[in-house]
N, C-alpha and C. Protein backbone atom coordinates (compact mmCIF):
# COMPACT_ATOMS: atom_id res chain seq x y z
N MET A 1 -129.42 57.69 193.88
CA MET A 1 -129.50 56.88 192.70
C MET A 1 -130.99 56.44 192.68
N ALA A 2 -131.71 56.67 191.54
CA ALA A 2 -133.09 56.25 191.37
C ALA A 2 -133.08 54.77 190.91
N TRP A 3 -134.26 54.17 191.13
CA TRP A 3 -134.36 52.74 190.74
C TRP A 3 -134.08 52.47 189.32
N LYS A 4 -134.46 53.46 188.48
CA LYS A 4 -134.25 53.28 187.03
C LYS A 4 -132.79 53.30 186.65
N ASP A 5 -131.94 53.81 187.51
CA ASP A 5 -130.56 53.88 187.29
C ASP A 5 -129.78 52.56 187.74
N ALA A 6 -130.50 51.74 188.37
CA ALA A 6 -129.92 50.39 188.86
C ALA A 6 -129.71 49.54 187.67
N ALA A 7 -128.55 48.86 187.71
CA ALA A 7 -128.22 47.95 186.55
C ALA A 7 -129.02 46.68 186.70
N MET A 8 -129.68 46.28 185.61
CA MET A 8 -130.39 45.00 185.53
C MET A 8 -129.41 44.01 185.07
N PRO A 9 -129.47 42.76 185.78
CA PRO A 9 -128.58 41.76 185.30
C PRO A 9 -128.99 41.29 183.82
N LYS A 10 -127.98 40.97 183.06
CA LYS A 10 -128.28 40.54 181.66
C LYS A 10 -128.76 39.11 181.77
N PRO A 11 -129.67 38.70 180.91
CA PRO A 11 -130.11 37.30 180.86
C PRO A 11 -128.93 36.35 180.44
N TYR A 12 -128.97 35.19 180.92
CA TYR A 12 -127.97 34.14 180.47
C TYR A 12 -128.18 33.89 178.98
N PRO A 13 -127.14 33.74 178.27
CA PRO A 13 -127.20 33.32 176.86
C PRO A 13 -127.92 31.95 176.64
N GLN A 14 -128.70 31.81 175.55
CA GLN A 14 -129.44 30.65 175.25
C GLN A 14 -128.49 29.40 175.23
N GLU A 15 -127.37 29.64 174.60
CA GLU A 15 -126.44 28.47 174.51
C GLU A 15 -126.02 27.92 175.91
N PHE A 16 -125.78 28.92 176.83
CA PHE A 16 -125.30 28.56 178.18
C PHE A 16 -126.41 27.82 178.86
N ARG A 17 -127.73 28.33 178.74
CA ARG A 17 -128.87 27.67 179.33
C ARG A 17 -128.99 26.19 178.78
N GLU A 18 -128.87 26.03 177.55
CA GLU A 18 -129.02 24.68 176.95
C GLU A 18 -127.86 23.76 177.46
N ASP A 19 -126.64 24.30 177.60
CA ASP A 19 -125.51 23.47 178.07
C ASP A 19 -125.79 23.03 179.55
N VAL A 20 -126.29 24.01 180.35
CA VAL A 20 -126.55 23.65 181.78
C VAL A 20 -127.67 22.60 181.93
N VAL A 21 -128.75 22.76 181.09
CA VAL A 21 -129.85 21.81 181.09
C VAL A 21 -129.34 20.48 180.64
N ARG A 22 -128.51 20.38 179.64
CA ARG A 22 -128.00 19.13 179.11
C ARG A 22 -127.19 18.41 180.17
N VAL A 23 -126.27 19.16 180.96
CA VAL A 23 -125.55 18.61 182.00
C VAL A 23 -126.43 18.15 183.15
N ALA A 24 -127.50 18.92 183.50
CA ALA A 24 -128.38 18.53 184.55
C ALA A 24 -129.12 17.26 184.18
N ARG A 25 -129.59 17.15 182.99
CA ARG A 25 -130.28 16.00 182.52
C ARG A 25 -129.42 14.69 182.54
N GLY A 26 -128.10 14.86 182.22
CA GLY A 26 -127.25 13.73 182.13
C GLY A 26 -126.42 13.48 183.41
N ARG A 27 -126.80 14.09 184.52
CA ARG A 27 -126.02 13.97 185.71
C ARG A 27 -126.07 12.53 186.21
N GLU A 28 -125.01 12.26 187.02
CA GLU A 28 -124.84 10.94 187.55
C GLU A 28 -125.81 10.76 188.73
N PRO A 29 -126.21 9.47 189.05
CA PRO A 29 -127.08 9.27 190.20
C PRO A 29 -126.42 9.78 191.45
N GLY A 30 -127.21 10.45 192.30
CA GLY A 30 -126.69 11.07 193.51
C GLY A 30 -126.34 12.55 193.44
N VAL A 31 -126.16 13.03 192.15
CA VAL A 31 -125.86 14.46 191.95
C VAL A 31 -127.13 15.18 191.83
N THR A 32 -127.26 16.21 192.67
CA THR A 32 -128.54 16.93 192.70
C THR A 32 -128.59 18.12 191.73
N ILE A 33 -129.67 18.61 191.56
CA ILE A 33 -129.93 19.87 190.72
C ILE A 33 -129.17 20.98 191.42
N ASP A 34 -129.24 21.03 192.72
CA ASP A 34 -128.55 22.13 193.52
C ASP A 34 -127.07 22.08 193.23
N GLN A 35 -126.47 20.90 193.11
CA GLN A 35 -125.01 20.79 192.88
C GLN A 35 -124.71 21.27 191.50
N VAL A 36 -125.48 20.85 190.51
CA VAL A 36 -125.20 21.29 189.13
C VAL A 36 -125.36 22.78 189.02
N ALA A 37 -126.44 23.32 189.66
CA ALA A 37 -126.69 24.74 189.60
C ALA A 37 -125.49 25.52 190.24
N ALA A 38 -124.98 25.01 191.36
CA ALA A 38 -123.80 25.64 192.03
C ALA A 38 -122.61 25.59 191.17
N ASP A 39 -122.34 24.49 190.43
CA ASP A 39 -121.19 24.29 189.56
C ASP A 39 -121.27 25.40 188.46
N PHE A 40 -122.43 25.80 188.01
CA PHE A 40 -122.53 26.75 186.90
C PHE A 40 -122.77 28.19 187.40
N GLY A 41 -122.93 28.26 188.71
CA GLY A 41 -123.14 29.66 189.29
C GLY A 41 -124.55 30.23 189.07
N VAL A 42 -125.59 29.39 188.96
CA VAL A 42 -126.91 29.82 188.84
C VAL A 42 -127.77 29.26 190.06
N HIS A 43 -128.84 29.91 190.25
CA HIS A 43 -129.76 29.54 191.38
C HIS A 43 -130.38 28.23 191.01
N PRO A 44 -130.65 27.29 191.96
CA PRO A 44 -131.26 26.04 191.66
C PRO A 44 -132.73 26.27 191.08
N MET A 45 -133.43 27.27 191.50
CA MET A 45 -134.81 27.49 190.99
C MET A 45 -134.69 27.93 189.54
N THR A 46 -133.63 28.68 189.21
CA THR A 46 -133.44 29.10 187.79
C THR A 46 -133.19 27.86 186.97
N LEU A 47 -132.40 27.00 187.34
CA LEU A 47 -132.11 25.76 186.56
C LEU A 47 -133.35 24.92 186.47
N SER A 48 -134.19 24.81 187.57
CA SER A 48 -135.38 24.09 187.45
C SER A 48 -136.28 24.64 186.45
N LYS A 49 -136.43 25.94 186.42
CA LYS A 49 -137.29 26.63 185.41
C LYS A 49 -136.81 26.33 184.01
N TRP A 50 -135.44 26.48 183.81
CA TRP A 50 -134.92 26.08 182.49
C TRP A 50 -135.22 24.70 182.10
N MET A 51 -135.15 23.79 183.04
CA MET A 51 -135.39 22.33 182.71
C MET A 51 -136.81 22.11 182.29
N ARG A 52 -137.83 22.85 183.13
CA ARG A 52 -139.21 22.76 182.77
C ARG A 52 -139.51 23.28 181.39
N ARG A 53 -138.87 24.42 181.07
CA ARG A 53 -139.07 25.08 179.76
C ARG A 53 -138.53 24.17 178.68
N ALA A 54 -137.37 23.55 178.83
CA ALA A 54 -136.76 22.65 177.91
C ALA A 54 -137.65 21.44 177.64
N ASP A 55 -138.28 20.92 178.72
CA ASP A 55 -139.19 19.78 178.53
C ASP A 55 -140.34 20.19 177.61
N VAL A 56 -140.88 21.33 177.69
CA VAL A 56 -141.99 21.84 176.86
C VAL A 56 -141.46 22.02 175.43
N ASP A 57 -140.32 22.73 175.36
CA ASP A 57 -139.70 23.05 174.03
C ASP A 57 -139.41 21.76 173.30
N ASP A 58 -138.89 20.68 173.97
CA ASP A 58 -138.53 19.47 173.37
C ASP A 58 -139.67 18.54 173.05
N GLY A 59 -140.88 18.91 173.57
CA GLY A 59 -142.05 18.11 173.42
C GLY A 59 -142.13 16.97 174.45
N THR A 60 -141.21 16.98 175.43
CA THR A 60 -141.22 15.94 176.45
C THR A 60 -142.43 16.09 177.34
N LYS A 61 -142.76 17.30 177.68
CA LYS A 61 -143.91 17.62 178.47
C LYS A 61 -144.76 18.68 177.74
N THR A 62 -146.06 18.60 177.93
CA THR A 62 -146.96 19.67 177.42
C THR A 62 -147.02 20.77 178.45
N ARG A 63 -147.63 21.89 178.16
CA ARG A 63 -147.81 22.94 179.14
C ARG A 63 -148.63 22.50 180.24
N ALA A 64 -149.70 21.76 180.01
CA ALA A 64 -150.61 21.27 180.99
C ALA A 64 -149.83 20.32 181.94
N GLU A 65 -149.04 19.47 181.42
CA GLU A 65 -148.19 18.62 182.31
C GLU A 65 -147.15 19.39 183.03
N GLN A 66 -146.67 20.53 182.53
CA GLN A 66 -145.71 21.29 183.19
C GLN A 66 -146.24 21.84 184.51
N HIS A 67 -147.57 22.06 184.51
CA HIS A 67 -148.20 22.61 185.81
C HIS A 67 -148.28 21.51 186.82
N GLU A 68 -148.16 20.34 186.43
CA GLU A 68 -148.22 19.19 187.35
C GLU A 68 -146.98 19.06 188.24
N TYR A 69 -145.89 19.74 187.93
CA TYR A 69 -144.68 19.63 188.70
C TYR A 69 -144.83 20.05 190.14
N GLY A 70 -145.68 20.98 190.36
CA GLY A 70 -145.78 21.47 191.80
C GLY A 70 -146.74 20.68 192.62
N ARG A 71 -147.39 19.60 192.07
CA ARG A 71 -148.35 18.84 192.80
C ARG A 71 -147.71 17.44 193.16
N GLU A 72 -148.13 16.99 194.32
CA GLU A 72 -147.65 15.67 194.79
C GLU A 72 -148.28 14.56 193.99
N PRO A 73 -147.55 13.51 193.60
CA PRO A 73 -148.12 12.41 192.88
C PRO A 73 -149.23 11.74 193.65
N GLY A 74 -150.29 11.43 193.05
CA GLY A 74 -151.37 10.68 193.62
C GLY A 74 -152.33 11.48 194.47
N VAL A 75 -152.02 12.82 194.66
CA VAL A 75 -152.90 13.65 195.41
C VAL A 75 -153.88 14.45 194.44
N GLU A 76 -155.13 14.18 194.58
CA GLU A 76 -156.14 14.86 193.75
C GLU A 76 -156.39 16.24 194.28
N GLU A 77 -156.54 17.18 193.35
CA GLU A 77 -156.96 18.53 193.75
C GLU A 77 -158.39 18.58 194.12
N THR A 78 -158.74 19.21 195.17
CA THR A 78 -160.17 19.32 195.61
C THR A 78 -160.56 20.69 195.57
N SER A 79 -161.85 20.97 195.21
CA SER A 79 -162.43 22.31 195.20
C SER A 79 -163.24 22.50 196.48
N SER A 80 -163.25 23.64 197.00
CA SER A 80 -164.01 23.99 198.17
C SER A 80 -165.54 23.87 197.92
N ALA A 81 -165.87 24.03 196.68
CA ALA A 81 -167.35 23.92 196.30
C ALA A 81 -167.74 22.46 196.31
N ALA A 82 -166.82 21.52 196.09
CA ALA A 82 -167.18 20.10 195.98
C ALA A 82 -167.77 19.54 197.27
N GLY A 83 -167.36 19.98 198.40
CA GLY A 83 -167.96 19.52 199.62
C GLY A 83 -169.04 20.33 200.16
N ALA A 84 -169.47 21.39 199.48
CA ALA A 84 -170.53 22.33 199.92
C ALA A 84 -171.87 21.71 200.08
N GLY A 85 -172.15 20.76 199.19
CA GLY A 85 -173.55 20.14 199.24
C GLY A 85 -173.64 18.97 200.24
N GLU A 86 -172.60 18.63 200.91
CA GLU A 86 -172.67 17.49 201.77
C GLU A 86 -173.14 17.79 203.19
């Protein structure tokens, strides 16, 4: 069987994604994203991506702010060139 014959998984329907994001946003304190993802049978990273996308789509976050998710709060990014002249 060639790679082109392998079945690609179908994307989740938009309505399903919206429902899962809604449940994740409204979860009770102490309930993790991992638990919500497991309840719906999706990978936690998939749910995280859906939530980030929904934030941008809803206007809650801009694309620039979306990139801040991966950075620790209060930690400034430094450039290797910034210390070159010292």
